[in-house]
PDB file of N, CA and C in Angstrom:
ATOM      1  N   MET A   1      10.238  -9.353 -11.268  1.00  0.00           N
ATOM      2  CA  MET A   1      10.851 -10.178 -10.234  1.00  0.00           C
ATOM      3  C   MET A   1      10.001 -11.429 -10.054  1.00  0.00           C
ATOM      4  N   GLY A   2      10.599 -12.580 -10.207  1.00  0.00           N
ATOM      5  CA  GLY A   2       9.879 -13.830 -10.087  1.00  0.00           C
ATOM      6  C   GLY A   2       9.621 -14.220  -8.642  1.00  0.00           C
ATOM      7  N   GLN A   3       8.752 -15.195  -8.481  1.00  0.00           N
ATOM      8  CA  GLN A   3       8.439 -15.655  -7.130  1.00  0.00           C
ATOM      9  C   GLN A   3       9.666 -16.308  -6.507  1.00  0.00           C
ATOM     10  N   GLY A   4       9.872 -16.046  -5.251  1.00  0.00           N
ATOM     11  CA  GLY A   4      11.017 -16.595  -4.550  1.00  0.00           C
ATOM     12  C   GLY A   4      12.223 -15.677  -4.533  1.00  0.00           C
ATOM     13  N   GLU A   5      12.221 -14.681  -5.417  1.00  0.00           N
ATOM     14  CA  GLU A   5      13.303 -13.707  -5.407  1.00  0.00           C
ATOM     15  C   GLU A   5      13.051 -12.697  -4.296  1.00  0.00           C
ATOM     16  N   THR A   6      14.114 -12.230  -3.688  1.00  0.00           N
ATOM     17  CA  THR A   6      13.956 -11.224  -2.637  1.00  0.00           C
ATOM     18  C   THR A   6      14.825 -10.025  -2.940  1.00  0.00           C
ATOM     19  N   ARG A   7      14.365  -8.886  -2.457  1.00  0.00           N
ATOM     20  CA  ARG A   7      15.133  -7.646  -2.555  1.00  0.00           C
ATOM     21  C   ARG A   7      15.060  -6.970  -1.205  1.00  0.00           C
ATOM     22  N   ARG A   8      16.093  -6.237  -0.892  1.00  0.00           N
ATOM     23  CA  ARG A   8      16.142  -5.502   0.369  1.00  0.00           C
ATOM     24  C   ARG A   8      15.527  -4.123   0.157  1.00  0.00           C
ATOM     25  N   GLN A   9      14.691  -3.699   1.101  1.00  0.00           N
ATOM     26  CA  GLN A   9      14.057  -2.387   1.035  1.00  0.00           C
ATOM     27  C   GLN A   9      13.953  -1.831   2.449  1.00  0.00           C
ATOM     28  N   ASN A  10      14.345  -0.594   2.627  1.00  0.00           N
ATOM     29  CA  ASN A  10      14.183   0.056   3.925  1.00  0.00           C
ATOM     30  C   ASN A  10      12.812   0.700   4.000  1.00  0.00           C
ATOM     31  N   LEU A  11      12.106   0.439   5.066  1.00  0.00           N
ATOM     32  CA  LEU A  11      10.809   1.058   5.319  1.00  0.00           C
ATOM     33  C   LEU A  11      10.887   1.765   6.654  1.00  0.00           C
ATOM     34  N   TYR A  12      10.250   2.902   6.752  1.00  0.00           N
ATOM     35  CA  TYR A  12      10.281   3.696   7.971  1.00  0.00           C
ATOM     36  C   TYR A  12       8.883   3.768   8.562  1.00  0.00           C
ATOM     37  N   PHE A  13       8.771   3.447   9.847  1.00  0.00           N
ATOM     38  CA  PHE A  13       7.497   3.428  10.545  1.00  0.00           C
ATOM     39  C   PHE A  13       7.566   4.344  11.755  1.00  0.00           C
ATOM     40  N   PRO A  14       6.434   4.942  12.118  1.00  0.00           N
ATOM     41  CA  PRO A  14       6.406   5.684  13.386  1.00  0.00           C
ATOM     42  C   PRO A  14       6.751   4.728  14.525  1.00  0.00           C
ATOM     43  N   SER A  15       7.354   5.248  15.571  1.00  0.00           N
ATOM     44  CA  SER A  15       7.848   4.384  16.651  1.00  0.00           C
ATOM     45  C   SER A  15       6.741   3.555  17.292  1.00  0.00           C
ATOM     46  N   ASP A  16       5.534   4.127  17.450  1.00  0.00           N
ATOM     47  CA  ASP A  16       4.451   3.348  18.059  1.00  0.00           C
ATOM     48  C   ASP A  16       4.008   2.197  17.157  1.00  0.00           C
ATOM     49  N   MET A  17       3.999   2.412  15.855  1.00  0.00           N
ATOM     50  CA  MET A  17       3.637   1.346  14.923  1.00  0.00           C
ATOM     51  C   MET A  17       4.704   0.260  14.906  1.00  0.00           C
ATOM     52  N   LEU A  18       5.963   0.667  14.933  1.00  0.00           N
ATOM     53  CA  LEU A  18       7.048  -0.307  14.958  1.00  0.00           C
ATOM     54  C   LEU A  18       6.994  -1.135  16.234  1.00  0.00           C
ATOM     55  N   SER A  19       6.677  -0.491  17.345  1.00  0.00           N
ATOM     56  CA  SER A  19       6.552  -1.214  18.605  1.00  0.00           C
ATOM     57  C   SER A  19       5.451  -2.276  18.522  1.00  0.00           C
ATOM     58  N   GLU A  20       4.316  -1.909  17.920  1.00  0.00           N
ATOM     59  CA  GLU A  20       3.225  -2.874  17.737  1.00  0.00           C
ATOM     60  C   GLU A  20       3.656  -4.023  16.840  1.00  0.00           C
ATOM     61  N   LEU A  21       4.380  -3.697  15.766  1.00  0.00           N
ATOM     62  CA  LEU A  21       4.869  -4.743  14.870  1.00  0.00           C
ATOM     63  C   LEU A  21       5.820  -5.697  15.592  1.00  0.00           C
ATOM     64  N   GLN A  22       6.685  -5.148  16.429  1.00  0.00           N
ATOM     65  CA  GLN A  22       7.623  -5.988  17.173  1.00  0.00           C
ATOM     66  C   GLN A  22       6.880  -6.902  18.156  1.00  0.00           C
ATOM     67  N   LYS A  23       5.882  -6.361  18.835  1.00  0.00           N
ATOM     68  CA  LYS A  23       5.101  -7.177  19.770  1.00  0.00           C
ATOM     69  C   LYS A  23       4.349  -8.288  19.044  1.00  0.00           C
ATOM     70  N   GLU A  24       3.734  -7.930  17.916  1.00  0.00           N
ATOM     71  CA  GLU A  24       2.997  -8.946  17.145  1.00  0.00           C
ATOM     72  C   GLU A  24       3.950  -9.980  16.560  1.00  0.00           C
ATOM     73  N   SER A  25       5.113  -9.543  16.143  1.00  0.00           N
ATOM     74  CA  SER A  25       6.123 -10.447  15.626  1.00  0.00           C
ATOM     75  C   SER A  25       6.524 -11.480  16.686  1.00  0.00           C
ATOM     76  N   THR A  26       6.716 -10.997  17.895  1.00  0.00           N
ATOM     77  CA  THR A  26       7.063 -11.895  19.003  1.00  0.00           C
ATOM     78  C   THR A  26       5.903 -12.842  19.312  1.00  0.00           C
ATOM     79  N   ARG A  27       4.694 -12.293  19.358  1.00  0.00           N
ATOM     80  CA  ARG A  27       3.508 -13.104  19.682  1.00  0.00           C
ATOM     81  C   ARG A  27       3.325 -14.235  18.680  1.00  0.00           C
ATOM     82  N   GLN A  28       3.529 -13.933  17.408  1.00  0.00           N
ATOM     83  CA  GLN A  28       3.326 -14.947  16.369  1.00  0.00           C
ATOM     84  C   GLN A  28       4.584 -15.753  16.060  1.00  0.00           C
ATOM     85  N   ASP A  29       5.687 -15.398  16.700  1.00  0.00           N
ATOM     86  CA  ASP A  29       6.969 -16.044  16.431  1.00  0.00           C
ATOM     87  C   ASP A  29       7.287 -15.991  14.934  1.00  0.00           C
ATOM     88  N   ARG A  30       7.081 -14.808  14.358  1.00  0.00           N
ATOM     89  CA  ARG A  30       7.354 -14.550  12.942  1.00  0.00           C
ATOM     90  C   ARG A  30       8.208 -13.299  12.827  1.00  0.00           C
ATOM     91  N   SER A  31       8.809 -13.101  11.672  1.00  0.00           N
ATOM     92  CA  SER A  31       9.601 -11.885  11.456  1.00  0.00           C
ATOM     93  C   SER A  31       8.668 -10.717  11.115  1.00  0.00           C
ATOM     94  N   ILE A  32       9.171  -9.515  11.332  1.00  0.00           N
ATOM     95  CA  ILE A  32       8.409  -8.324  10.947  1.00  0.00           C
ATOM     96  C   ILE A  32       8.197  -8.330   9.437  1.00  0.00           C
ATOM     97  N   SER A  33       9.188  -8.768   8.690  1.00  0.00           N
ATOM     98  CA  SER A  33       9.059  -8.864   7.242  1.00  0.00           C
ATOM     99  C   SER A  33       7.869  -9.751   6.870  1.00  0.00           C
ATOM    100  N   TRP A  34       7.739 -10.883   7.518  1.00  0.00           N
ATOM    101  CA  TRP A  34       6.633 -11.798   7.246  1.00  0.00           C
ATOM    102  C   TRP A  34       5.300 -11.111   7.547  1.00  0.00           C
ATOM    103  N   LEU A  35       5.225 -10.396   8.685  1.00  0.00           N
ATOM    104  CA  LEU A  35       3.988  -9.697   9.044  1.00  0.00           C
ATOM    105  C   LEU A  35       3.607  -8.668   7.991  1.00  0.00           C
ATOM    106  N   ILE A  36       4.573  -7.887   7.522  1.00  0.00           N
ATOM    107  CA  ILE A  36       4.305  -6.861   6.523  1.00  0.00           C
ATOM    108  C   ILE A  36       3.838  -7.510   5.220  1.00  0.00           C
ATOM    109  N   GLN A  37       4.457  -8.615   4.837  1.00  0.00           N
ATOM    110  CA  GLN A  37       4.040  -9.309   3.619  1.00  0.00           C
ATOM    111  C   GLN A  37       2.609  -9.809   3.727  1.00  0.00           C
ATOM    112  N   GLN A  38       2.247 -10.360   4.884  1.00  0.00           N
ATOM    113  CA  GLN A  38       0.876 -10.849   5.076  1.00  0.00           C
ATOM    114  C   GLN A  38      -0.115  -9.690   5.085  1.00  0.00           C
ATOM    115  N   ALA A  39       0.253  -8.586   5.732  1.00  0.00           N
ATOM    116  CA  ALA A  39      -0.615  -7.410   5.765  1.00  0.00           C
ATOM    117  C   ALA A  39      -0.849  -6.883   4.355  1.00  0.00           C
ATOM    118  N   TRP A  40       0.200  -6.869   3.539  1.00  0.00           N
ATOM    119  CA  TRP A  40       0.060  -6.408   2.157  1.00  0.00           C
ATOM    120  C   TRP A  40      -0.898  -7.306   1.383  1.00  0.00           C
ATOM    121  N   LYS A  41      -0.750  -8.622   1.534  1.00  0.00           N
ATOM    122  CA  LYS A  41      -1.625  -9.557   0.815  1.00  0.00           C
ATOM    123  C   LYS A  41      -3.085  -9.347   1.212  1.00  0.00           C
ATOM    124  N   ILE A  42      -3.323  -9.073   2.481  1.00  0.00           N
ATOM    125  CA  ILE A  42      -4.686  -8.865   2.972  1.00  0.00           C
ATOM    126  C   ILE A  42      -5.242  -7.526   2.482  1.00  0.00           C
ATOM    127  N   ALA A  43      -4.422  -6.485   2.493  1.00  0.00           N
ATOM    128  CA  ALA A  43      -4.886  -5.124   2.207  1.00  0.00           C
ATOM    129  C   ALA A  43      -4.854  -4.754   0.723  1.00  0.00           C
ATOM    130  N   ARG A  44      -4.174  -5.529  -0.089  1.00  0.00           N
ATOM    131  CA  ARG A  44      -3.959  -5.151  -1.489  1.00  0.00           C
ATOM    132  C   ARG A  44      -5.256  -4.835  -2.229  1.00  0.00           C
ATOM    133  N   ALA A  45      -6.262  -5.672  -2.125  1.00  0.00           N
ATOM    134  CA  ALA A  45      -7.525  -5.438  -2.844  1.00  0.00           C
ATOM    135  C   ALA A  45      -8.206  -4.162  -2.356  1.00  0.00           C
ATOM    136  N   GLU A  46      -8.166  -3.917  -1.068  1.00  0.00           N
ATOM    137  CA  GLU A  46      -8.769  -2.699  -0.512  1.00  0.00           C
ATOM    138  C   GLU A  46      -8.041  -1.458  -1.006  1.00  0.00           C
ATOM    139  N   LEU A  47      -6.735  -1.500  -1.056  1.00  0.00           N
ATOM    140  CA  LEU A  47      -5.953  -0.348  -1.506  1.00  0.00           C
ATOM    141  C   LEU A  47      -6.175  -0.035  -2.985  1.00  0.00           C
ATOM    142  N   LYS A  48      -6.489  -1.052  -3.777  1.00  0.00           N
ATOM    143  CA  LYS A  48      -6.761  -0.814  -5.198  1.00  0.00           C
ATOM    144  C   LYS A  48      -8.031   0.003  -5.390  1.00  0.00           C
ATOM    145  N   ARG A  49      -8.923  -0.009  -4.419  1.00  0.00           N
ATOM    146  CA  ARG A  49     -10.164   0.763  -4.519  1.00  0.00           C
ATOM    147  C   ARG A  49      -9.975   2.224  -4.125  1.00  0.00           C
ATOM    148  N   VAL A  50      -8.847   2.566  -3.522  1.00  0.00           N
ATOM    149  CA  VAL A  50      -8.573   3.948  -3.130  1.00  0.00           C
ATOM    150  C   VAL A  50      -8.143   4.716  -4.374  1.00  0.00           C
ATOM    151  N   PRO A  51      -8.805   5.840  -4.662  1.00  0.00           N
ATOM    152  CA  PRO A  51      -8.425   6.588  -5.866  1.00  0.00           C
ATOM    153  C   PRO A  51      -7.014   7.151  -5.752  1.00  0.00           C
ATOM    154  N   SER A  52      -6.334   7.228  -6.889  1.00  0.00           N
ATOM    155  CA  SER A  52      -4.996   7.799  -6.888  1.00  0.00           C
ATOM    156  C   SER A  52      -5.101   9.315  -6.942  1.00  0.00           C
ATOM    157  N   THR A  53      -4.008   9.980  -6.661  1.00  0.00           N
ATOM    158  CA  THR A  53      -4.013  11.439  -6.691  1.00  0.00           C
ATOM    159  C   THR A  53      -4.236  11.957  -8.102  1.00  0.00           C
ATOM    160  N   THR A  54      -3.900  11.181  -9.105  1.00  0.00           N
ATOM    161  CA  THR A  54      -4.084  11.633 -10.487  1.00  0.00           C
ATOM    162  C   THR A  54      -5.510  11.430 -10.982  1.00  0.00           C
ATOM    163  N   ASP A  55      -6.337  10.722 -10.242  1.00  0.00           N
ATOM    164  CA  ASP A  55      -7.729  10.527 -10.648  1.00  0.00           C
ATOM    165  C   ASP A  55      -8.513  11.830 -10.633  1.00  0.00           C
ATOM    166  N   TYR A  56      -8.006  12.843  -9.960  1.00  0.00           N
ATOM    167  CA  TYR A  56      -8.730  14.095  -9.823  1.00  0.00           C
ATOM    168  C   TYR A  56      -8.168  15.218 -10.686  1.00  0.00           C
ATOM    169  N   LEU A  57      -7.188  14.921 -11.507  1.00  0.00           N
ATOM    170  CA  LEU A  57      -6.613  15.946 -12.370  1.00  0.00           C
ATOM    171  C   LEU A  57      -7.575  16.257 -13.508  1.00  0.00           C
ATOM    172  N   PRO A  58      -7.632  17.526 -13.914  1.00  0.00           N
ATOM    173  CA  PRO A  58      -8.496  17.873 -15.046  1.00  0.00           C
ATOM    174  C   PRO A  58      -8.011  17.191 -16.318  1.00  0.00           C
ATOM    175  N   SER A  59      -8.939  16.912 -17.179  1.00  0.00           N
ATOM    176  CA  SER A  59      -8.618  16.246 -18.436  1.00  0.00           C
ATOM    177  C   SER A  59      -7.866  17.185 -19.370  1.00  0.00           C
ATOM    178  N   ASP A  60      -6.988  16.633 -20.208  1.00  0.00           N
ATOM    179  CA  ASP A  60      -6.295  17.418 -21.226  1.00  0.00           C
ATOM    180  C   ASP A  60      -7.238  17.779 -22.373  1.00  0.00           C
ATOM    181  N   ASN A  61      -8.335  17.073 -22.478  1.00  0.00           N
ATOM    182  CA  ASN A  61      -9.290  17.271 -23.546  1.00  0.00           C
ATOM    183  C   ASN A  61     -10.396  18.217 -23.067  1.00  0.00           C
ATOM    184  N   PRO A  62     -10.447  19.466 -23.574  1.00  0.00           N
ATOM    185  CA  PRO A  62     -11.457  20.416 -23.102  1.00  0.00           C
ATOM    186  C   PRO A  62     -12.886  19.940 -23.366  1.00  0.00           C
ATOM    187  N   ASP A  63     -13.093  19.148 -24.423  1.00  0.00           N
ATOM    188  CA  ASP A  63     -14.436  18.640 -24.709  1.00  0.00           C
ATOM    189  C   ASP A  63     -14.904  17.661 -23.647  1.00  0.00           C
ATOM    190  N   ALA A  64     -13.974  16.913 -23.073  1.00  0.00           N
ATOM    191  CA  ALA A  64     -14.331  15.939 -22.045  1.00  0.00           C
ATOM    192  C   ALA A  64     -14.849  16.638 -20.804  1.00  0.00           C
ATOM    193  N   ALA A  65     -14.271  17.801 -20.453  1.00  0.00           N
ATOM    194  CA  ALA A  65     -14.731  18.565 -19.287  1.00  0.00           C
ATOM    195  C   ALA A  65     -16.147  19.050 -19.512  1.00  0.00           C
ATOM    196  N   GLY A  66     -16.456  19.499 -20.719  1.00  0.00           N
ATOM    197  CA  GLY A  66     -17.800  19.959 -21.027  1.00  0.00           C
ATOM    198  C   GLY A  66     -18.813  18.835 -20.950  1.00  0.00           C
ATOM    199  N   GLU A  67     -18.397  17.656 -21.326  1.00  0.00           N
ATOM    200  CA  GLU A  67     -19.288  16.493 -21.255  1.00  0.00           C
ATOM    201  C   GLU A  67     -19.709  16.204 -19.833  1.00  0.00           C
ATOM    202  N   ALA A  68     -18.768  16.325 -18.890  1.00  0.00           N
ATOM    203  CA  ALA A  68     -19.050  16.014 -17.486  1.00  0.00           C
ATOM    204  C   ALA A  68     -20.023  17.014 -16.877  1.00  0.00           C
ATOM    205  N   GLU A  69     -20.008  18.275 -17.382  1.00  0.00           N
ATOM    206  CA  GLU A  69     -20.855  19.301 -16.812  1.00  0.00           C
ATOM    207  C   GLU A  69     -22.279  19.234 -17.322  1.00  0.00           C
ATOM    208  N   ARG A  70     -22.518  18.557 -18.421  1.00  0.00           N
ATOM    209  CA  ARG A  70     -23.862  18.489 -19.015  1.00  0.00           C
ATOM    210  C   ARG A  70     -24.794  17.600 -18.283  1.00  0.00           C
TER     211      ARG A  70
END
C-alpha cells in the first residue's frame, strides 16, 4: 500500500481507553484515527524490541539445542 492510500479497519478498545482517546481527540482537535497513527509512529521502534511469541519456540535442529546448552 503506497503512501496516501487509506483502508478501513475496525479496532476494539476497552471503554476506559476509548474514553481517554475521545478526550484527547477533543483536546487536540484531531480525529481518533490521527491520534492512533501518531501513537503508532512513536511506539513502532519500541515494539520492534519486544520479542515475538515464536522467539521462544524450540529449534527444529536438534544440534542447535545442544549448542545452546554447552
